[in-house]
Amino acid sequence: MNATSSDATPTPGRIVLLTTSHRVAPGLLSWPAWQALHAADRVLCADGAHPQLPYLREAGIRVDEASPTAEELIGACAGGRTVVVVATGEGEPALTDGLARLAGSGRVAMPELELLPASYDLPGARLLDLVQVMDRIRAECPWSSRQTHKGLAKYGIEEAYELVEAIEDGDRDELREELGDVLLQVVFHARIAEEDPDAPFSIDDVAAGIVTKLIHRHPHVFGDETATTPEEVKEHWLRTKAVEKRRISLTDGVPLGQPGLALASKLASRVRTAGLRVPPPDGEGIGYDLLAMAVRAEAEGVDPEAALRGAARAYRDAIRAAEGTPAEG
């Protein structure tokens, strides 16, 4: 006697765990994700407030708000049915652990399991997390909520110097951390700026401004200009910058409050790039001697600030050696 359909081994079906990124606008799903959703026998989601649900329902997909156990989900797939689970932000760890446990037991006919990323983070997407975290800290932290641009200024200087130190030390882990600290200063100041009653701006305005500036100052990348050497790139940069700022002197825009050696080197760089011959002024005293040395260092391609820091570190080590104190890394 031929076996009836009831005697046949039931087809276990298919489970698709659909993951999405909260950093991508809801509804922007991959084509394989839309295909899986439309072809599914059932679509489940444990979070009734999931941001994707309005867009799925608008596309004609019925989504049941349910949080089945692993056993219940396997039962829903019986008979060869396909069930798509729209994962919550946590990724459904209890469900996946339950499925793994059942699969490892060997006692259950497991459906086909597929993890289907429906949207992916683009490069820089984690910056959105930073903006959200900073927004909450600004609103809820007693210290952060009271900070001003002036109050934070000293931290910006400190973080910049710590970044330079990490670069000079060659410590990759420290470099990554210090870059984050510098980035925090930018996001923090931009968040404070949103509250200005007269001239508010946001982190998006900051980013838009630097994007526009970079495109405009790189006509050899985004336009019809040509530059084949770093020197030609620098000429493009200074020329477009002068037009933007409407500067009448090479010294315009050079911050006089920066460290003295850096200031002298910057002025010398402006003079050299412009092709002018302006020797350092004659004068007596250590200041004029240092100025002449800074100009010479710049002409030789040496950063006088970095050179002095390196020498100062060697001096520090000599002091510690004289004290009998172990040298620092």
Protein backbone atom coordinates (compact mmCIF):
# COMPACT_ATOMS: atom_id res chain seq x y z
CA MET A 1 0.00 0.00 0.00
CA ASN A 2 1.25 3.42 -0.93
CA ALA A 3 2.06 5.81 1.91
CA THR A 4 -0.40 8.62 2.34
CA SER A 5 0.63 12.21 2.82
CA SER A 6 -0.02 11.79 6.54
CA ASP A 7 2.62 9.06 6.68
CA ALA A 8 5.29 11.19 4.98
CA THR A 9 7.90 12.98 7.04
CA PRO A 10 6.73 16.58 7.39
CA THR A 11 8.87 19.27 5.78
CA PRO A 12 10.39 21.36 8.58
CA GLY A 13 10.16 24.68 6.72
CA ARG A 14 12.31 27.78 7.02
CA ILE A 15 13.01 30.47 9.60
CA VAL A 16 14.42 33.83 8.47
CA LEU A 17 15.77 36.16 11.15
CA LEU A 18 15.61 39.63 9.62
CA THR A 19 17.97 42.19 11.17
CA THR A 20 17.96 45.92 10.53
CA SER A 21 20.16 48.82 11.55
CA HIS A 22 18.63 51.63 13.58
CA ARG A 23 21.18 53.92 11.95
CA VAL A 24 19.47 53.53 8.55
CA ALA A 25 16.13 55.17 7.86
CA PRO A 26 13.22 52.74 8.37
CA GLY A 27 11.84 51.25 5.17
CA LEU A 28 15.19 51.28 3.37
CA LEU A 29 15.60 47.52 3.16
CA SER A 30 17.58 45.35 0.76
CA TRP A 31 15.82 43.67 -2.16
CA PRO A 32 16.42 40.14 -0.74
CA ALA A 33 14.75 41.31 2.48
CA TRP A 34 11.66 42.56 0.63
CA GLN A 35 11.52 39.30 -1.33
CA ALA A 36 11.66 37.25 1.85
CA LEU A 37 8.98 39.36 3.51
CA HIS A 38 6.57 39.13 0.59
CA ALA A 39 7.10 35.37 0.16
CA ALA A 40 6.76 34.50 3.87
CA ASP A 41 3.77 32.59 5.21
CA ARG A 42 4.01 34.57 8.45
CA VAL A 43 5.94 37.63 9.60
CA LEU A 44 6.44 38.06 13.34
CA CYS A 45 7.85 40.85 15.47
CA ALA A 46 8.04 40.95 19.26
CA ASP A 47 8.18 44.76 19.38
CA GLY A 48 4.94 46.42 18.41
CA ALA A 49 6.74 49.78 18.28
CA HIS A 50 9.48 48.56 15.96
CA PRO A 51 10.27 51.45 13.54
CA GLN A 52 10.07 49.17 10.51
CA LEU A 53 6.50 48.00 11.10
CA PRO A 54 4.61 51.00 9.63
CA TYR A 55 6.62 50.69 6.42
CA LEU A 56 6.12 46.93 6.17
CA ARG A 57 2.38 47.28 6.64
CA GLU A 58 2.27 50.12 4.11
CA ALA A 59 3.88 47.69 1.66
CA GLY A 60 1.02 45.25 2.24
CA ILE A 61 2.84 42.88 4.58
CA ARG A 62 0.92 41.56 7.56
CA VAL A 63 3.06 41.54 10.68
CA ASP A 64 1.88 39.73 13.81
CA GLU A 65 3.09 41.07 17.13
CA ALA A 66 4.33 37.90 18.81
CA SER A 67 7.30 36.62 20.75
CA PRO A 68 7.28 32.85 20.22
CA THR A 69 9.56 30.40 21.97
CA ALA A 70 11.95 28.34 19.86
CA GLU A 71 9.58 25.37 20.04
CA GLU A 72 6.58 27.46 18.99
CA LEU A 73 8.51 28.97 16.09
CA ILE A 74 9.55 25.54 14.83
CA GLY A 75 5.92 24.44 15.05
CA ALA A 76 4.84 27.48 13.01
CA CYS A 77 7.17 26.32 10.22
CA ALA A 78 5.71 22.80 10.05
CA GLY A 79 4.52 21.74 6.62
CA GLY A 80 7.24 23.63 4.77
CA ARG A 81 6.11 27.09 5.76
CA THR A 82 8.44 30.08 5.94
CA VAL A 83 8.34 32.39 8.96
CA VAL A 84 10.21 35.68 8.99
CA VAL A 85 11.10 37.12 12.39
CA VAL A 86 11.80 40.86 12.34
CA ALA A 87 14.45 41.09 15.03
CA THR A 88 14.34 43.74 17.72
CA GLY A 89 17.33 45.91 18.53
CA GLU A 90 18.75 43.27 20.86
CA GLY A 91 18.80 40.68 18.06
CA GLU A 92 16.49 38.09 19.72
CA PRO A 93 19.18 36.36 21.82
CA ALA A 94 16.68 34.24 23.80
CA LEU A 95 15.12 32.92 20.58
CA THR A 96 18.41 32.17 18.85
CA ASP A 97 19.80 30.49 21.98
CA GLY A 98 16.68 28.32 22.14
CA LEU A 99 16.99 27.34 18.50
CA ALA A 100 20.67 26.48 18.99
CA ARG A 101 19.80 24.33 21.98
CA LEU A 102 17.16 22.41 20.06
CA ALA A 103 19.44 21.96 17.06
CA GLY A 104 22.16 20.59 19.32
CA SER A 105 19.82 18.10 20.95
CA GLY A 106 19.39 16.13 17.72
CA ARG A 107 15.80 15.27 18.69
CA VAL A 108 14.05 17.89 16.59
CA ALA A 109 13.77 18.19 12.82
CA MET A 110 15.07 21.73 12.45
CA PRO A 111 13.81 24.16 9.82
CA GLU A 112 16.30 25.82 7.55
CA LEU A 113 17.72 28.79 9.46
CA GLU A 114 18.81 31.99 7.73
CA LEU A 115 20.14 35.26 9.11
CA LEU A 116 19.24 37.98 6.64
CA PRO A 117 20.61 41.50 7.21
CA ALA A 118 18.01 43.81 5.72
CA SER A 119 20.02 47.01 6.11
CA TYR A 120 23.67 47.73 6.74
CA ASP A 121 25.52 50.51 8.49
CA LEU A 122 27.35 52.86 6.16
CA PRO A 123 30.83 54.14 7.07
CA GLY A 124 30.44 56.78 9.75
CA ALA A 125 27.09 55.44 10.96
CA ARG A 126 28.32 55.16 14.55
CA LEU A 127 28.62 58.94 14.60
CA LEU A 128 24.83 58.97 14.83
CA ASP A 129 25.12 57.05 18.10
CA LEU A 130 27.55 59.65 19.42
CA VAL A 131 25.15 62.47 18.57
CA GLN A 132 22.29 60.67 20.33
CA VAL A 133 24.37 59.90 23.42
CA MET A 134 25.60 63.49 23.60
CA ASP A 135 22.06 64.79 23.29
CA ARG A 136 20.93 62.71 26.25
CA ILE A 137 23.97 63.62 28.36
CA ARG A 138 23.40 67.30 27.67
CA ALA A 139 19.79 66.96 28.81
CA GLU A 140 20.27 64.73 31.86
CA CYS A 141 23.81 65.13 33.24
CA PRO A 142 24.11 67.83 35.97
CA TRP A 143 27.67 68.71 34.89
CA SER A 144 27.32 68.52 31.10
CA SER A 145 24.04 70.44 31.06
CA ARG A 146 25.79 73.50 32.56
CA GLN A 147 28.82 73.63 30.29
CA THR A 148 29.49 76.53 27.90
CA HIS A 149 31.84 77.03 24.96
CA LYS A 150 34.20 79.07 27.13
CA GLY A 151 34.12 76.56 29.94
CA LEU A 152 35.05 73.71 27.59
CA ALA A 153 37.78 75.59 25.72
CA LYS A 154 40.59 74.37 27.98
CA TYR A 155 39.56 70.76 27.45
CA GLY A 156 39.82 71.17 23.70
CA ILE A 157 43.41 72.34 24.06
CA GLU A 158 44.27 69.51 26.45
CA GLU A 159 42.74 66.85 24.21
CA ALA A 160 44.58 68.19 21.16
CA TYR A 161 47.91 67.96 22.98
CA GLU A 162 47.12 64.45 24.21
CA LEU A 163 46.35 63.47 20.61
CA VAL A 164 49.73 64.83 19.49
CA GLU A 165 51.44 62.90 22.28
CA ALA A 166 49.73 59.67 21.21
CA ILE A 167 50.87 60.24 17.63
CA GLU A 168 54.45 60.88 18.70
CA ASP A 169 54.43 57.81 21.00
CA GLY A 170 53.16 55.60 18.17
CA ASP A 171 50.57 54.04 20.48
CA ARG A 172 47.68 52.90 18.24
CA ASP A 173 45.25 52.19 21.07
CA GLU A 174 45.98 55.55 22.65
CA LEU A 175 45.65 57.25 19.26
CA ARG A 176 42.18 55.79 18.75
CA GLU A 177 41.08 56.87 22.22
CA GLU A 178 42.46 60.40 21.88
CA LEU A 179 40.80 60.84 18.48
CA GLY A 180 37.54 59.95 20.21
CA ASP A 181 38.19 62.55 22.91
CA VAL A 182 38.84 65.23 20.28
CA LEU A 183 35.70 64.19 18.40
CA LEU A 184 33.73 64.47 21.63
CA GLN A 185 34.78 68.12 21.94
CA VAL A 186 33.41 68.84 18.46
CA VAL A 187 30.09 67.11 19.14
CA PHE A 188 29.79 68.69 22.61
CA HIS A 189 30.33 72.22 21.29
CA ALA A 190 27.89 71.63 18.44
CA ARG A 191 25.26 70.41 20.90
CA ILE A 192 25.71 73.52 23.05
CA ALA A 193 25.45 75.67 19.92
CA GLU A 194 21.96 74.32 19.22
CA GLU A 195 20.69 76.17 22.28
CA ASP A 196 21.96 79.61 21.28
CA PRO A 197 18.94 81.93 21.08
CA ASP A 198 20.38 84.20 18.40
CA ALA A 199 22.58 82.09 16.11
CA PRO A 200 22.00 78.37 16.72
CA PHE A 201 23.63 75.67 14.64
CA SER A 202 23.89 71.89 14.86
CA ILE A 203 26.43 69.16 14.21
CA ASP A 204 24.86 68.76 10.75
CA ASP A 205 25.61 72.41 10.02
CA VAL A 206 29.20 71.87 11.15
CA ALA A 207 29.56 68.80 8.92
CA ALA A 208 27.91 70.53 5.95
CA GLY A 209 30.29 73.46 6.30
CA ILE A 210 33.44 71.36 6.29
CA VAL A 211 32.18 69.22 3.39
CA THR A 212 31.59 72.35 1.31
CA LYS A 213 35.00 73.71 2.26
CA LEU A 214 36.82 70.49 1.42
CA ILE A 215 35.17 70.21 -1.99
CA HIS A 216 35.88 73.84 -2.82
CA ARG A 217 39.50 73.64 -1.73
CA HIS A 218 40.18 70.46 -3.68
CA PRO A 219 39.40 71.51 -7.26
CA HIS A 220 41.98 68.97 -8.42
CA VAL A 221 39.74 66.23 -6.97
CA PHE A 222 36.22 67.58 -7.46
CA GLY A 223 36.81 70.04 -10.30
CA ASP A 224 38.88 70.67 -13.41
CA GLU A 225 42.13 71.79 -11.78
CA THR A 226 45.27 69.64 -11.85
CA ALA A 227 47.68 68.98 -9.02
CA THR A 228 50.36 66.31 -9.11
CA THR A 229 52.50 67.27 -6.11
CA PRO A 230 51.78 68.16 -2.48
CA GLU A 231 53.15 71.64 -3.16
CA GLU A 232 50.60 72.25 -5.92
CA VAL A 233 47.82 71.01 -3.64
CA LYS A 234 48.92 73.48 -0.97
CA GLU A 235 48.95 76.30 -3.53
CA HIS A 236 45.34 75.45 -4.51
CA TRP A 237 44.36 75.39 -0.86
CA LEU A 238 45.91 78.73 0.04
CA ARG A 239 44.60 80.41 -3.11
CA THR A 240 41.00 79.33 -2.60
CA LYS A 241 41.26 80.07 1.11
CA ALA A 242 42.43 83.61 0.41
CA VAL A 243 39.48 84.16 -1.93
CA GLU A 244 37.02 82.74 0.61
CA LYS A 245 38.34 84.82 3.49
CA ARG A 246 39.02 87.91 1.37
CA ARG A 247 42.41 88.22 2.98
CA ILE A 248 44.76 91.00 1.98
CA SER A 249 47.84 89.72 3.81
CA LEU A 250 49.56 86.36 4.08
CA THR A 251 49.42 86.77 7.83
CA ASP A 252 45.63 87.05 7.96
CA GLY A 253 44.12 84.07 9.72
CA VAL A 254 47.29 83.01 11.51
CA PRO A 255 46.25 82.66 15.19
CA LEU A 256 48.68 84.67 17.31
CA GLY A 257 47.68 82.79 20.47
CA GLN A 258 49.33 79.52 19.42
CA PRO A 259 52.68 78.43 20.90
CA GLY A 260 55.54 80.66 19.83
CA LEU A 261 57.55 78.14 17.82
CA ALA A 262 54.42 77.01 15.98
CA LEU A 263 53.51 80.63 15.25
CA ALA A 264 56.97 81.40 13.86
CA SER A 265 56.92 78.22 11.75
CA LYS A 266 53.46 79.05 10.37
CA LEU A 267 54.50 82.54 9.34
CA ALA A 268 57.64 81.18 7.68
CA SER A 269 55.55 78.59 5.83
CA ARG A 270 53.21 81.30 4.51
CA VAL A 271 56.18 83.34 3.28
CA ARG A 272 57.90 80.39 1.62
CA THR A 273 54.75 79.14 -0.09
CA ALA A 274 54.06 82.61 -1.48
CA GLY A 275 57.58 82.82 -2.88
CA LEU A 276 58.48 85.94 -0.92
CA ARG A 277 61.88 86.72 0.55
CA VAL A 278 61.30 88.07 4.02
CA PRO A 279 64.23 87.25 6.32
CA PRO A 280 63.63 87.20 10.08
CA PRO A 281 64.13 90.64 11.61
CA ASP A 282 67.43 91.36 13.31
CA GLY A 283 67.23 91.77 17.01
CA GLU A 284 68.91 90.88 20.24
CA GLY A 285 67.67 88.38 22.75
CA ILE A 286 66.54 84.80 22.99
CA GLY A 287 63.25 85.53 21.23
CA TYR A 288 64.94 86.56 17.99
CA ASP A 289 67.32 83.61 18.24
CA LEU A 290 64.38 81.23 18.60
CA LEU A 291 62.57 82.92 15.71
CA ALA A 292 65.56 82.44 13.43
CA MET A 293 65.82 78.78 14.45
CA ALA A 294 62.09 78.21 13.84
CA VAL A 295 62.35 79.76 10.36
CA ARG A 296 65.36 77.58 9.59
CA ALA A 297 63.57 74.47 10.84
CA GLU A 298 60.53 75.18 8.64
CA ALA A 299 62.76 75.68 5.60
CA GLU A 300 64.34 72.27 6.28
CA GLY A 301 60.96 70.58 6.68
CA VAL A 302 61.23 70.18 10.44
CA ASP A 303 58.40 70.95 12.85
CA PRO A 304 60.15 73.03 15.52
CA GLU A 305 57.48 72.30 18.13
CA ALA A 306 57.85 68.54 17.63
CA ALA A 307 61.64 68.82 17.60
CA LEU A 308 61.67 70.75 20.87
CA ARG A 309 59.23 68.30 22.47
CA GLY A 310 61.49 65.43 21.46
CA ALA A 311 64.52 67.15 22.96
CA ALA A 312 62.53 68.01 26.10
CA ARG A 313 61.56 64.37 26.53
CA ALA A 314 65.21 63.38 26.31
CA TYR A 315 65.94 66.02 28.95
CA ARG A 316 63.17 64.61 31.14
CA ASP A 317 64.67 61.14 30.85
CA ALA A 318 68.07 62.53 31.82
CA ILE A 319 66.53 64.16 34.88
CA ARG A 320 64.85 60.93 35.92
CA ALA A 321 68.10 59.04 35.40
CA ALA A 322 69.91 61.51 37.66
CA GLU A 323 67.19 61.01 40.27
CA GLY A 324 67.34 57.26 39.93
CA THR A 325 63.71 57.24 38.80
CA PRO A 326 62.72 54.71 36.08
CA ALA A 327 62.18 56.34 32.68
CA GLU A 328 58.58 56.60 31.49
CA GLY A 329 57.39 55.03 28.24
